[in-house]
Amino acid sequence: MSRIKIEKKIVKYHVQKPEAEKPAAREAREGKVLRKEGGGKVLRIHEKLERPEVLIGSTYKIKTPVSDHAMYLTINDIVMNEGTEHEHRRPFEIFINSKNLDHFQWIVALTRVISAVFRKGGEVVFLTEELKAVFDPRGGYWQPGGKFMPSIVAEIGYVVERHLQSIGLMQKPGLDDAQRMLVEAKRKEYEDRHKQQDAFAESGYPEGAQLCAKCSTAAVVLMDGCMTCLSCGESKCG
């Protein structure tokens, strides 16, 4: 900082204060209100948004073979811009209840962190990928139907993903019409050729099918000299 020499005698002074920030600018900076060209105000979720008296909730049951007690996962949503063309639901908080006290500490920590991310606003889809990537060092387990779960946390991630898809924040993955028709045709051809009992009672896939690295379903069979998944269409031959 440069030094300024004052030649005259100081007889009075005042402290210069910054200009008061306009309310509209402050709201835009804090993420409270976003104006559109249409004229109306669009409310966005942010960490300072107060919890409403009533929230819409969905509860999911998680029963794993590695625990005697089931988990009940509840996700509460907040309705933003209710009654307008911009109305939509956003996850606001999550609760996990279980009689198994062995998981109490990490369940409390996980629910608080996920709820904090929900209330922060913005992109929350990344949470599902992070949760699904958690592996149990003792090994995972198989769900009824032939889907492999690497850990309990990963299954929580799949449940959160399913909930985000149900409220429209995520698109459900799927095959296009041509791929779906090809998979159904190949599946019918293989089943007609072998007529074997399914490996899992509810899966509908042939016995001896291998685990698919893409969709984690035991549905990979040797077809026309190439390993092909009957669930998602993944093929080693492209």
Protein backbone atom coordinates (compact mmCIF):
# COMPACT_ATOMS: atom_id res chain seq x y z
CA MET A 1 0.00 0.00 0.00
CA SER A 2 1.42 3.41 -0.99
CA ARG A 3 1.88 6.13 1.63
CA ILE A 4 0.02 9.47 1.24
CA LYS A 5 1.41 12.64 2.77
CA ILE A 6 -1.25 15.02 4.13
CA GLU A 7 -0.17 18.66 3.71
CA LYS A 8 -3.19 20.28 5.42
CA LYS A 9 -4.39 20.12 9.00
CA ILE A 10 -7.10 17.53 9.68
CA VAL A 11 -10.18 19.24 11.10
CA LYS A 12 -12.82 16.49 10.68
CA TYR A 13 -13.26 13.00 9.26
CA HIS A 14 -15.89 10.31 8.57
CA VAL A 15 -15.79 6.57 7.89
CA GLN A 16 -16.83 5.58 4.39
CA LYS A 17 -19.17 2.59 4.44
CA PRO A 18 -19.82 0.24 1.50
CA GLU A 19 -23.05 0.76 -0.37
CA ALA A 20 -25.95 -1.32 0.90
CA GLU A 21 -26.46 -4.35 -1.24
CA LYS A 22 -29.78 -4.41 -2.99
CA PRO A 23 -32.17 -7.17 -1.80
CA ALA A 24 -32.49 -8.62 -5.30
CA ALA A 25 -28.74 -8.88 -5.71
CA ARG A 26 -28.38 -10.46 -2.28
CA GLU A 27 -31.04 -13.04 -3.04
CA ALA A 28 -29.41 -13.92 -6.33
CA ARG A 29 -26.00 -14.24 -4.64
CA GLU A 30 -27.36 -16.54 -1.91
CA GLY A 31 -29.22 -18.67 -4.42
CA LYS A 32 -32.64 -17.95 -2.96
CA VAL A 33 -34.35 -16.58 -6.06
CA LEU A 34 -33.60 -16.95 -9.74
CA ARG A 35 -35.45 -14.66 -12.13
CA LYS A 36 -36.41 -15.81 -15.60
CA GLU A 37 -37.35 -13.89 -18.69
CA GLY A 38 -40.96 -14.94 -18.16
CA GLY A 39 -41.13 -12.64 -15.16
CA GLY A 40 -41.93 -15.09 -12.33
CA LYS A 41 -39.59 -16.07 -9.51
CA VAL A 42 -38.23 -19.61 -9.38
CA LEU A 43 -37.28 -20.82 -5.90
CA ARG A 44 -34.20 -23.02 -5.65
CA ILE A 45 -33.32 -25.26 -2.72
CA HIS A 46 -30.34 -24.09 -0.67
CA GLU A 47 -28.78 -24.76 2.71
CA LYS A 48 -30.63 -21.86 4.41
CA LEU A 49 -34.07 -23.06 3.36
CA GLU A 50 -36.16 -23.78 6.45
CA ARG A 51 -37.79 -27.16 6.86
CA PRO A 52 -41.54 -27.07 6.10
CA GLU A 53 -44.06 -28.45 8.58
CA VAL A 54 -45.05 -31.26 6.20
CA LEU A 55 -42.86 -33.21 3.77
CA ILE A 56 -43.72 -35.95 1.28
CA GLY A 57 -41.91 -39.19 2.18
CA SER A 58 -41.25 -42.63 0.70
CA THR A 59 -40.02 -45.61 2.73
CA TYR A 60 -38.03 -48.50 1.26
CA LYS A 61 -37.31 -51.83 2.94
CA ILE A 62 -33.78 -53.28 2.64
CA LYS A 63 -33.42 -56.91 3.72
CA THR A 64 -29.97 -58.40 3.28
CA PRO A 65 -28.77 -61.97 3.91
CA VAL A 66 -25.87 -60.64 6.01
CA SER A 67 -28.16 -59.26 8.72
CA ASP A 68 -31.06 -60.72 10.69
CA HIS A 69 -32.88 -57.38 10.80
CA ALA A 70 -34.20 -55.32 7.91
CA MET A 71 -33.41 -51.67 7.31
CA TYR A 72 -36.10 -49.11 6.55
CA LEU A 73 -34.89 -46.16 4.49
CA THR A 74 -37.13 -43.07 4.37
CA ILE A 75 -36.50 -40.18 1.99
CA ASN A 76 -38.53 -36.99 2.47
CA ASP A 77 -39.01 -34.61 -0.45
CA ILE A 78 -39.77 -30.91 -0.54
CA VAL A 79 -42.04 -29.48 -3.24
CA MET A 80 -40.50 -26.41 -4.86
CA ASN A 81 -42.58 -23.73 -6.62
CA GLU A 82 -45.83 -25.49 -5.73
CA GLY A 83 -48.76 -24.56 -7.92
CA THR A 84 -46.61 -23.09 -10.72
CA GLU A 85 -45.26 -24.39 -14.00
CA HIS A 86 -41.88 -24.83 -12.29
CA GLU A 87 -43.20 -27.18 -9.60
CA HIS A 88 -40.90 -30.11 -8.89
CA ARG A 89 -39.79 -32.37 -6.03
CA ARG A 90 -36.36 -32.40 -4.46
CA PRO A 91 -35.00 -34.76 -1.78
CA PHE A 92 -34.64 -32.91 1.52
CA GLU A 93 -33.62 -35.46 4.15
CA ILE A 94 -33.07 -39.18 4.68
CA PHE A 95 -33.56 -41.49 7.66
CA ILE A 96 -32.46 -45.11 8.14
CA ASN A 97 -33.95 -47.24 10.92
CA SER A 98 -32.88 -50.73 11.97
CA LYS A 99 -32.97 -52.95 15.06
CA ASN A 100 -29.35 -53.93 14.39
CA LEU A 101 -27.29 -51.66 16.65
CA ASP A 102 -24.00 -52.87 15.10
CA HIS A 103 -24.51 -50.35 12.29
CA PHE A 104 -25.80 -47.49 14.45
CA GLN A 105 -22.78 -45.16 14.25
CA TRP A 106 -22.18 -45.26 10.51
CA ILE A 107 -25.92 -45.12 9.79
CA VAL A 108 -26.25 -41.88 11.79
CA ALA A 109 -23.18 -40.41 10.10
CA LEU A 110 -24.40 -41.44 6.63
CA THR A 111 -27.89 -40.01 7.10
CA ARG A 112 -26.54 -36.67 8.34
CA VAL A 113 -24.08 -36.32 5.47
CA ILE A 114 -26.61 -37.29 2.79
CA SER A 115 -29.27 -34.98 4.27
CA ALA A 116 -26.75 -32.11 4.31
CA VAL A 117 -25.99 -32.68 0.63
CA PHE A 118 -29.72 -32.78 -0.18
CA ARG A 119 -30.34 -29.46 1.60
CA LYS A 120 -27.35 -27.84 -0.06
CA GLY A 121 -29.17 -28.03 -3.39
CA GLY A 122 -27.64 -28.32 -6.81
CA GLU A 123 -26.53 -31.65 -8.23
CA VAL A 124 -27.18 -34.65 -5.98
CA VAL A 125 -27.02 -37.47 -8.53
CA PHE A 126 -23.30 -38.01 -7.86
CA LEU A 127 -24.22 -39.40 -4.43
CA THR A 128 -25.64 -42.57 -5.95
CA GLU A 129 -22.43 -43.37 -7.84
CA GLU A 130 -20.29 -42.76 -4.76
CA LEU A 131 -22.47 -45.01 -2.58
CA LYS A 132 -22.68 -47.79 -5.17
CA ALA A 133 -18.88 -47.84 -5.41
CA VAL A 134 -18.45 -48.88 -1.74
CA PHE A 135 -17.29 -52.51 -1.38
CA ASP A 136 -17.41 -54.62 1.77
CA PRO A 137 -13.98 -56.19 2.46
CA ARG A 138 -15.79 -59.29 3.75
CA GLY A 139 -17.56 -59.69 0.41
CA GLY A 140 -20.95 -58.74 -0.95
CA TYR A 141 -24.14 -60.75 -1.33
CA TRP A 142 -26.72 -61.79 -3.92
CA GLN A 143 -30.19 -60.34 -4.06
CA PRO A 144 -33.19 -62.49 -5.06
CA GLY A 145 -33.23 -62.42 -8.84
CA GLY A 146 -29.47 -62.69 -9.35
CA LYS A 147 -28.25 -59.12 -8.77
CA PHE A 148 -24.98 -58.81 -6.87
CA MET A 149 -24.58 -56.15 -4.16
CA PRO A 150 -21.00 -55.32 -3.13
CA SER A 151 -22.09 -53.91 0.27
CA ILE A 152 -25.03 -52.64 2.32
CA VAL A 153 -23.97 -49.05 1.57
CA ALA A 154 -24.06 -49.85 -2.15
CA GLU A 155 -27.63 -51.12 -1.83
CA ILE A 156 -28.55 -47.86 -0.07
CA GLY A 157 -27.07 -46.09 -3.10
CA TYR A 158 -29.28 -48.14 -5.44
CA VAL A 159 -32.35 -47.28 -3.34
CA VAL A 160 -31.52 -43.55 -3.45
CA GLU A 161 -31.01 -43.85 -7.21
CA ARG A 162 -34.41 -45.52 -7.61
CA HIS A 163 -36.03 -42.72 -5.58
CA LEU A 164 -34.39 -39.99 -7.67
CA GLN A 165 -35.66 -41.72 -10.79
CA SER A 166 -39.19 -41.88 -9.38
CA ILE A 167 -39.31 -38.11 -8.73
CA GLY A 168 -37.77 -37.24 -12.10
CA LEU A 169 -34.27 -36.11 -11.07
CA MET A 170 -32.68 -39.05 -12.89
CA GLN A 171 -33.59 -40.86 -16.07
CA LYS A 172 -34.16 -44.59 -15.88
CA PRO A 173 -31.49 -46.44 -17.86
CA GLY A 174 -32.82 -48.65 -20.57
CA LEU A 175 -32.34 -50.08 -24.03
CA ASP A 176 -33.78 -48.56 -27.16
CA ASP A 177 -36.43 -50.48 -29.12
CA ALA A 178 -33.96 -52.14 -31.49
CA GLN A 179 -31.70 -53.33 -28.67
CA ARG A 180 -34.67 -54.55 -26.65
CA MET A 181 -36.01 -56.56 -29.59
CA LEU A 182 -32.58 -58.08 -30.23
CA VAL A 183 -32.13 -59.09 -26.59
CA GLU A 184 -35.61 -60.64 -26.44
CA ALA A 185 -35.01 -62.55 -29.68
CA LYS A 186 -31.62 -63.86 -28.52
CA ARG A 187 -33.03 -64.79 -25.13
CA LYS A 188 -35.94 -66.70 -26.63
CA GLU A 189 -33.62 -68.46 -29.05
CA TYR A 190 -31.29 -69.55 -26.28
CA GLU A 191 -34.11 -70.70 -23.96
CA ASP A 192 -35.77 -72.69 -26.74
CA ARG A 193 -32.45 -74.37 -27.47
CA HIS A 194 -31.50 -75.35 -23.92
CA LYS A 195 -34.72 -75.56 -21.86
CA GLN A 196 -32.84 -75.53 -18.55
CA GLN A 197 -34.05 -74.55 -15.10
CA ASP A 198 -33.20 -71.03 -13.96
CA ALA A 199 -30.28 -70.47 -11.60
CA PHE A 200 -32.41 -68.15 -9.43
CA ALA A 201 -36.08 -68.76 -8.84
CA GLU A 202 -37.16 -65.23 -9.77
CA SER A 203 -34.52 -64.26 -12.30
CA GLY A 204 -35.71 -66.01 -15.45
CA TYR A 205 -32.13 -66.50 -16.70
CA PRO A 206 -30.68 -69.90 -17.67
CA GLU A 207 -28.72 -72.07 -15.26
CA GLY A 208 -24.96 -71.51 -15.34
CA ALA A 209 -25.23 -67.89 -16.51
CA GLN A 210 -22.24 -65.77 -15.51
CA LEU A 211 -22.14 -62.36 -13.84
CA CYS A 212 -22.33 -59.36 -16.18
CA ALA A 213 -19.69 -56.72 -15.47
CA LYS A 214 -21.99 -53.95 -16.74
CA CYS A 215 -25.31 -54.59 -14.97
CA SER A 216 -24.15 -57.00 -12.20
CA THR A 217 -26.74 -59.61 -13.19
CA ALA A 218 -26.08 -63.33 -13.61
CA ALA A 219 -27.30 -63.38 -17.20
CA VAL A 220 -24.17 -63.81 -19.38
CA VAL A 221 -24.27 -66.88 -21.63
CA LEU A 222 -22.27 -68.15 -24.60
CA MET A 223 -24.29 -67.38 -27.70
CA ASP A 224 -23.06 -67.75 -31.29
CA GLY A 225 -19.51 -68.06 -30.00
CA CYS A 226 -19.70 -64.82 -28.00
CA MET A 227 -20.46 -64.09 -24.33
CA THR A 228 -23.70 -62.08 -24.33
CA CYS A 229 -25.76 -60.65 -21.45
CA LEU A 230 -29.46 -61.48 -21.68
CA SER A 231 -30.32 -58.60 -19.34
CA CYS A 232 -28.64 -55.51 -20.81
CA GLY A 233 -27.34 -56.79 -24.16
CA GLU A 234 -23.66 -56.31 -23.31
CA SER A 235 -21.52 -58.43 -25.66
CA LYS A 236 -17.79 -59.11 -25.88
CA CYS A 237 -18.09 -59.07 -29.65
CA GLY A 238 -19.68 -55.61 -29.77
